[in-house]
Amino acid sequence: MKVSFRKDIAVSFLRQASSGQVREAYDRYVHPDFIHHNPYFRGDRQSLLAGMEESAVAFPNKAFEAVRVLEDGDFVAVHGRIRLKPDMPEYVLIHIFRFEGDRIIEEWEAGQEIPKDSPNTNGVF
């Protein structure tokens, strides 16, 4: 059985970045030629790094949890939850990372607020 270090890298990157150590997470885990598909920022490495640093300042007590992690070849998907502040709604997030070697080279993400009164008894997790 093959041991996956990419799953650990993806989760470590998200934990470290969400805890405010954005630049350190980028330096350690993100490829210099990184691109992303977040529609709110230019598609380059620096723009998302700057946006994540701004978020870390605005929400210093952000809480992230990886609920499940899937891997397929060079791709890792992380299904998780995040709360920006204790008094704010919780969000479900899905990050998809493409790796080159042991570095994240491409990223997609999707998220939505978890409704308090959802009729779905299965929940989002």
N, C-alpha and C. Protein backbone atom coordinates (compact mmCIF):
# COMPACT_ATOMS: atom_id res chain seq x y z
N MET A 1 0.83 -1.18 0.00
CA MET A 1 0.00 0.00 0.00
C MET A 1 0.87 1.25 0.00
N LYS A 2 0.54 2.19 -0.88
CA LYS A 2 1.31 3.42 -1.01
C LYS A 2 0.89 4.43 0.06
N VAL A 3 1.86 5.00 0.75
CA VAL A 3 1.58 6.02 1.77
C VAL A 3 1.51 7.38 1.07
N SER A 4 0.51 8.17 1.42
CA SER A 4 0.32 9.47 0.79
C SER A 4 0.88 10.59 1.65
N PHE A 5 1.85 11.26 1.14
CA PHE A 5 2.34 12.45 1.82
C PHE A 5 1.64 13.69 1.29
N ARG A 6 1.06 13.63 0.10
CA ARG A 6 0.38 14.79 -0.48
C ARG A 6 -0.87 15.15 0.31
N LYS A 7 -1.59 14.15 0.81
CA LYS A 7 -2.76 14.43 1.64
C LYS A 7 -2.34 15.21 2.89
N ASP A 8 -1.24 14.79 3.50
CA ASP A 8 -0.72 15.49 4.68
C ASP A 8 -0.29 16.92 4.34
N ILE A 9 0.34 17.09 3.19
CA ILE A 9 0.78 18.42 2.76
C ILE A 9 -0.42 19.34 2.56
N ALA A 10 -1.46 18.85 1.88
CA ALA A 10 -2.65 19.67 1.62
C ALA A 10 -3.29 20.13 2.93
N VAL A 11 -3.47 19.21 3.86
CA VAL A 11 -4.09 19.55 5.14
C VAL A 11 -3.19 20.48 5.94
N SER A 12 -1.89 20.21 5.96
CA SER A 12 -0.96 21.09 6.69
C SER A 12 -0.96 22.49 6.11
N PHE A 13 -1.00 22.59 4.79
CA PHE A 13 -1.05 23.90 4.16
C PHE A 13 -2.29 24.67 4.62
N LEU A 14 -3.46 24.04 4.56
CA LEU A 14 -4.70 24.72 4.95
C LEU A 14 -4.71 25.08 6.43
N ARG A 15 -4.23 24.19 7.27
CA ARG A 15 -4.18 24.50 8.71
C ARG A 15 -3.26 25.66 9.01
N GLN A 16 -2.07 25.61 8.43
CA GLN A 16 -1.09 26.66 8.69
C GLN A 16 -1.57 28.00 8.13
N ALA A 17 -2.07 28.01 6.91
CA ALA A 17 -2.54 29.25 6.29
C ALA A 17 -3.73 29.83 7.05
N SER A 18 -4.65 28.97 7.47
CA SER A 18 -5.84 29.47 8.18
C SER A 18 -5.51 29.93 9.60
N SER A 19 -4.38 29.49 10.14
CA SER A 19 -3.99 29.92 11.48
C SER A 19 -3.19 31.22 11.46
N GLY A 20 -3.05 31.82 10.27
CA GLY A 20 -2.36 33.10 10.17
C GLY A 20 -0.94 33.02 9.67
N GLN A 21 -0.42 31.83 9.48
CA GLN A 21 0.96 31.66 9.00
C GLN A 21 0.95 31.45 7.49
N VAL A 22 0.37 32.41 6.79
CA VAL A 22 0.15 32.28 5.35
C VAL A 22 1.46 32.22 4.58
N ARG A 23 2.33 33.18 4.80
CA ARG A 23 3.58 33.22 4.04
C ARG A 23 4.43 31.98 4.32
N GLU A 24 4.45 31.54 5.56
CA GLU A 24 5.21 30.34 5.90
C GLU A 24 4.63 29.12 5.19
N ALA A 25 3.30 29.03 5.12
CA ALA A 25 2.65 27.92 4.42
C ALA A 25 2.98 27.95 2.94
N TYR A 26 2.95 29.12 2.35
CA TYR A 26 3.30 29.25 0.93
C TYR A 26 4.76 28.86 0.69
N ASP A 27 5.65 29.37 1.53
CA ASP A 27 7.08 29.07 1.37
C ASP A 27 7.35 27.57 1.47
N ARG A 28 6.61 26.90 2.31
CA ARG A 28 6.87 25.48 2.56
C ARG A 28 6.18 24.55 1.57
N TYR A 29 4.95 24.89 1.15
CA TYR A 29 4.13 23.94 0.41
C TYR A 29 3.74 24.33 -1.02
N VAL A 30 3.89 25.59 -1.38
CA VAL A 30 3.36 26.05 -2.67
C VAL A 30 4.49 26.27 -3.68
N HIS A 31 4.28 25.71 -4.85
CA HIS A 31 5.24 25.80 -5.96
C HIS A 31 5.38 27.26 -6.40
N PRO A 32 6.58 27.69 -6.81
CA PRO A 32 6.77 29.07 -7.29
C PRO A 32 5.88 29.42 -8.49
N ASP A 33 5.52 28.44 -9.31
CA ASP A 33 4.70 28.68 -10.49
C ASP A 33 3.21 28.41 -10.24
N PHE A 34 2.80 28.42 -8.98
CA PHE A 34 1.42 28.16 -8.57
C PHE A 34 0.42 29.06 -9.30
N ILE A 35 -0.70 28.45 -9.68
CA ILE A 35 -1.85 29.20 -10.20
C ILE A 35 -3.09 28.72 -9.45
N HIS A 36 -4.16 29.53 -9.51
CA HIS A 36 -5.39 29.15 -8.81
C HIS A 36 -6.58 29.64 -9.62
N HIS A 37 -7.76 29.21 -9.18
CA HIS A 37 -8.99 29.51 -9.90
C HIS A 37 -10.01 30.23 -9.03
N ASN A 38 -9.55 30.94 -8.00
CA ASN A 38 -10.44 31.72 -7.15
C ASN A 38 -10.91 32.94 -7.95
N PRO A 39 -12.23 33.10 -8.15
CA PRO A 39 -12.71 34.16 -9.03
C PRO A 39 -12.57 35.57 -8.45
N TYR A 40 -12.17 35.70 -7.19
CA TYR A 40 -12.05 37.01 -6.57
C TYR A 40 -10.65 37.60 -6.63
N PHE A 41 -9.69 36.85 -7.18
CA PHE A 41 -8.31 37.30 -7.25
C PHE A 41 -7.75 36.95 -8.62
N ARG A 42 -6.70 37.69 -9.02
CA ARG A 42 -5.97 37.30 -10.24
C ARG A 42 -5.50 35.86 -10.05
N GLY A 43 -5.16 35.17 -11.09
CA GLY A 43 -4.84 33.75 -11.01
C GLY A 43 -3.42 33.41 -10.61
N ASP A 44 -2.64 34.38 -10.15
CA ASP A 44 -1.24 34.13 -9.83
C ASP A 44 -1.02 33.84 -8.35
N ARG A 45 0.15 33.37 -8.04
CA ARG A 45 0.55 32.99 -6.68
C ARG A 45 0.44 34.17 -5.71
N GLN A 46 1.01 35.31 -6.09
CA GLN A 46 1.11 36.46 -5.19
C GLN A 46 -0.25 37.03 -4.81
N SER A 47 -1.18 37.07 -5.76
CA SER A 47 -2.48 37.68 -5.46
C SER A 47 -3.26 36.88 -4.41
N LEU A 48 -3.25 35.55 -4.51
CA LEU A 48 -3.97 34.76 -3.52
C LEU A 48 -3.25 34.78 -2.18
N LEU A 49 -1.93 34.76 -2.20
CA LEU A 49 -1.16 34.88 -0.96
C LEU A 49 -1.54 36.18 -0.25
N ALA A 50 -1.56 37.29 -0.97
CA ALA A 50 -1.91 38.58 -0.37
C ALA A 50 -3.34 38.56 0.17
N GLY A 51 -4.26 37.97 -0.56
CA GLY A 51 -5.64 37.87 -0.10
C GLY A 51 -5.77 37.03 1.15
N MET A 52 -5.01 35.96 1.22
CA MET A 52 -5.04 35.10 2.41
C MET A 52 -4.40 35.81 3.60
N GLU A 53 -3.37 36.60 3.35
CA GLU A 53 -2.77 37.38 4.44
C GLU A 53 -3.75 38.43 4.97
N GLU A 54 -4.49 39.08 4.07
CA GLU A 54 -5.50 40.06 4.50
C GLU A 54 -6.58 39.37 5.33
N SER A 55 -6.99 38.18 4.92
CA SER A 55 -8.00 37.42 5.67
C SER A 55 -7.47 37.05 7.06
N ALA A 56 -6.19 36.70 7.14
CA ALA A 56 -5.60 36.34 8.44
C ALA A 56 -5.61 37.52 9.40
N VAL A 57 -5.41 38.73 8.88
CA VAL A 57 -5.46 39.92 9.73
C VAL A 57 -6.90 40.22 10.15
N ALA A 58 -7.82 40.10 9.20
CA ALA A 58 -9.23 40.40 9.49
C ALA A 58 -9.88 39.36 10.42
N PHE A 59 -9.42 38.10 10.31
CA PHE A 59 -10.01 37.01 11.08
C PHE A 59 -8.91 36.20 11.78
N PRO A 60 -8.28 36.77 12.80
CA PRO A 60 -7.14 36.10 13.44
C PRO A 60 -7.50 34.84 14.22
N ASN A 61 -8.76 34.64 14.54
CA ASN A 61 -9.16 33.46 15.31
C ASN A 61 -9.93 32.46 14.47
N LYS A 62 -9.63 32.43 13.20
CA LYS A 62 -10.25 31.52 12.26
C LYS A 62 -10.03 30.07 12.72
N ALA A 63 -11.06 29.23 12.56
CA ALA A 63 -10.95 27.81 12.96
C ALA A 63 -11.24 26.92 11.76
N PHE A 64 -10.26 26.13 11.33
CA PHE A 64 -10.39 25.23 10.19
C PHE A 64 -10.29 23.78 10.66
N GLU A 65 -11.11 22.92 10.06
CA GLU A 65 -11.03 21.49 10.32
C GLU A 65 -11.16 20.74 9.01
N ALA A 66 -10.23 19.84 8.73
CA ALA A 66 -10.34 18.94 7.58
C ALA A 66 -11.21 17.76 8.01
N VAL A 67 -12.28 17.52 7.30
CA VAL A 67 -13.20 16.44 7.64
C VAL A 67 -12.85 15.17 6.88
N ARG A 68 -12.56 15.31 5.59
CA ARG A 68 -12.10 14.15 4.80
C ARG A 68 -11.15 14.63 3.71
N VAL A 69 -10.25 13.73 3.31
CA VAL A 69 -9.24 14.06 2.32
C VAL A 69 -9.16 12.90 1.34
N LEU A 70 -9.21 13.23 0.06
CA LEU A 70 -9.18 12.22 -1.00
C LEU A 70 -8.01 12.50 -1.93
N GLU A 71 -7.41 11.44 -2.45
CA GLU A 71 -6.27 11.60 -3.36
C GLU A 71 -6.46 10.74 -4.59
N ASP A 72 -6.13 11.33 -5.75
CA ASP A 72 -6.18 10.62 -7.01
C ASP A 72 -5.01 11.11 -7.86
N GLY A 73 -3.96 10.34 -7.93
CA GLY A 73 -2.78 10.75 -8.69
C GLY A 73 -2.18 12.02 -8.13
N ASP A 74 -2.07 13.05 -8.99
CA ASP A 74 -1.49 14.33 -8.58
C ASP A 74 -2.50 15.26 -7.91
N PHE A 75 -3.74 14.78 -7.71
CA PHE A 75 -4.79 15.62 -7.15
C PHE A 75 -5.15 15.19 -5.73
N VAL A 76 -5.38 16.19 -4.87
CA VAL A 76 -5.85 15.96 -3.51
C VAL A 76 -7.04 16.90 -3.29
N ALA A 77 -8.13 16.35 -2.75
CA ALA A 77 -9.31 17.15 -2.40
C ALA A 77 -9.48 17.12 -0.89
N VAL A 78 -9.73 18.30 -0.31
CA VAL A 78 -9.96 18.42 1.12
C VAL A 78 -11.36 18.98 1.33
N HIS A 79 -12.19 18.21 2.00
CA HIS A 79 -13.56 18.61 2.36
C HIS A 79 -13.48 19.04 3.82
N GLY A 80 -13.73 20.31 4.08
CA GLY A 80 -13.55 20.80 5.43
C GLY A 80 -14.55 21.84 5.84
N ARG A 81 -14.36 22.34 7.05
CA ARG A 81 -15.22 23.38 7.60
C ARG A 81 -14.35 24.49 8.14
N ILE A 82 -14.91 25.70 8.11
CA ILE A 82 -14.20 26.85 8.63
C ILE A 82 -15.20 27.81 9.26
N ARG A 83 -14.76 28.42 10.34
CA ARG A 83 -15.52 29.49 10.98
C ARG A 83 -14.54 30.66 11.14
N LEU A 84 -14.90 31.79 10.55
CA LEU A 84 -14.00 32.94 10.56
C LEU A 84 -13.91 33.59 11.93
N LYS A 85 -15.05 33.65 12.64
CA LYS A 85 -15.12 34.19 14.00
C LYS A 85 -16.14 33.37 14.77
N PRO A 86 -15.99 33.26 16.08
CA PRO A 86 -16.93 32.44 16.87
C PRO A 86 -18.39 32.83 16.69
N ASP A 87 -18.67 34.11 16.45
CA ASP A 87 -20.06 34.55 16.32
C ASP A 87 -20.55 34.59 14.87
N MET A 88 -19.77 34.04 13.95
CA MET A 88 -20.14 34.03 12.53
C MET A 88 -20.58 32.63 12.11
N PRO A 89 -21.30 32.54 11.00
CA PRO A 89 -21.71 31.22 10.51
C PRO A 89 -20.51 30.36 10.12
N GLU A 90 -20.73 29.07 10.15
CA GLU A 90 -19.72 28.11 9.71
C GLU A 90 -19.91 27.86 8.21
N TYR A 91 -18.81 27.57 7.52
CA TYR A 91 -18.83 27.30 6.08
C TYR A 91 -18.26 25.92 5.80
N VAL A 92 -18.80 25.27 4.79
CA VAL A 92 -18.22 24.04 4.26
C VAL A 92 -17.36 24.46 3.07
N LEU A 93 -16.16 23.89 2.98
CA LEU A 93 -15.22 24.21 1.91
C LEU A 93 -14.73 22.94 1.24
N ILE A 94 -14.48 23.04 -0.03
CA ILE A 94 -13.81 21.97 -0.76
C ILE A 94 -12.65 22.61 -1.51
N HIS A 95 -11.46 22.15 -1.21
CA HIS A 95 -10.26 22.59 -1.92
C HIS A 95 -9.77 21.41 -2.75
N ILE A 96 -9.43 21.68 -3.99
CA ILE A 96 -8.82 20.67 -4.85
C ILE A 96 -7.44 21.20 -5.22
N PHE A 97 -6.44 20.41 -4.92
CA PHE A 97 -5.05 20.79 -5.20
C PHE A 97 -4.47 19.86 -6.25
N ARG A 98 -3.71 20.43 -7.17
CA ARG A 98 -2.89 19.62 -8.09
C ARG A 98 -1.45 19.81 -7.67
N PHE A 99 -0.75 18.71 -7.58
CA PHE A 99 0.64 18.73 -7.12
C PHE A 99 1.61 18.53 -8.28
N GLU A 100 2.76 19.13 -8.12
CA GLU A 100 3.93 18.80 -8.93
C GLU A 100 5.00 18.40 -7.93
N GLY A 101 5.30 17.11 -7.88
CA GLY A 101 6.20 16.60 -6.85
C GLY A 101 5.53 16.76 -5.49
N ASP A 102 6.22 17.42 -4.57
CA ASP A 102 5.66 17.62 -3.23
C ASP A 102 5.19 19.05 -3.00
N ARG A 103 4.91 19.79 -4.10
CA ARG A 103 4.45 21.17 -3.99
C ARG A 103 3.10 21.34 -4.68
N ILE A 104 2.27 22.19 -4.09
CA ILE A 104 0.98 22.53 -4.68
C ILE A 104 1.22 23.49 -5.84
N ILE A 105 0.79 23.12 -7.03
CA ILE A 105 1.01 23.96 -8.20
C ILE A 105 -0.29 24.58 -8.74
N GLU A 106 -1.44 24.00 -8.36
CA GLU A 106 -2.72 24.54 -8.83
C GLU A 106 -3.79 24.27 -7.79
N GLU A 107 -4.78 25.18 -7.70
CA GLU A 107 -5.81 25.04 -6.66
C GLU A 107 -7.15 25.55 -7.16
N TRP A 108 -8.20 24.82 -6.80
CA TRP A 108 -9.59 25.21 -7.00
C TRP A 108 -10.27 25.16 -5.64
N GLU A 109 -11.31 25.95 -5.45
CA GLU A 109 -12.03 25.91 -4.18
C GLU A 109 -13.50 26.25 -4.40
N ALA A 110 -14.31 25.70 -3.53
CA ALA A 110 -15.74 26.01 -3.51
C ALA A 110 -16.19 26.00 -2.07
N GLY A 111 -17.11 26.89 -1.73
CA GLY A 111 -17.59 26.95 -0.36
C GLY A 111 -19.00 27.49 -0.28
N GLN A 112 -19.63 27.18 0.82
CA GLN A 112 -20.95 27.73 1.08
C GLN A 112 -21.21 27.76 2.57
N GLU A 113 -22.04 28.71 2.96
CA GLU A 113 -22.44 28.81 4.36
C GLU A 113 -23.29 27.59 4.72
N ILE A 114 -23.07 27.06 5.91
CA ILE A 114 -23.87 25.94 6.39
C ILE A 114 -25.13 26.52 7.01
N PRO A 115 -26.31 26.24 6.42
CA PRO A 115 -27.55 26.80 6.97
C PRO A 115 -27.85 26.22 8.35
N LYS A 116 -28.34 27.10 9.24
CA LYS A 116 -28.68 26.64 10.59
C LYS A 116 -29.89 25.70 10.58
N ASP A 117 -30.84 25.98 9.72
CA ASP A 117 -32.09 25.22 9.72
C ASP A 117 -32.28 24.44 8.43
N SER A 118 -31.28 23.71 8.02
CA SER A 118 -31.39 22.94 6.78
C SER A 118 -32.39 21.79 6.96
N PRO A 119 -33.22 21.54 5.96
CA PRO A 119 -34.15 20.41 6.04
C PRO A 119 -33.45 19.07 5.79
N ASN A 120 -32.19 19.11 5.34
CA ASN A 120 -31.47 17.88 5.04
C ASN A 120 -30.92 17.26 6.33
N THR A 121 -31.46 16.15 6.73
CA THR A 121 -31.05 15.50 7.98
C THR A 121 -29.69 14.81 7.85
N ASN A 122 -29.15 14.70 6.63
CA ASN A 122 -27.83 14.10 6.43
C ASN A 122 -26.71 15.09 6.74
N GLY A 123 -27.00 16.36 6.72
CA GLY A 123 -25.98 17.38 6.96
C GLY A 123 -25.04 17.54 5.79
N VAL A 124 -24.06 18.42 5.92
CA VAL A 124 -23.11 18.68 4.83
C VAL A 124 -21.85 17.82 4.95
N PHE A 125 -21.74 17.07 6.03
CA PHE A 125 -20.58 16.22 6.21
C PHE A 125 -20.99 14.78 6.36
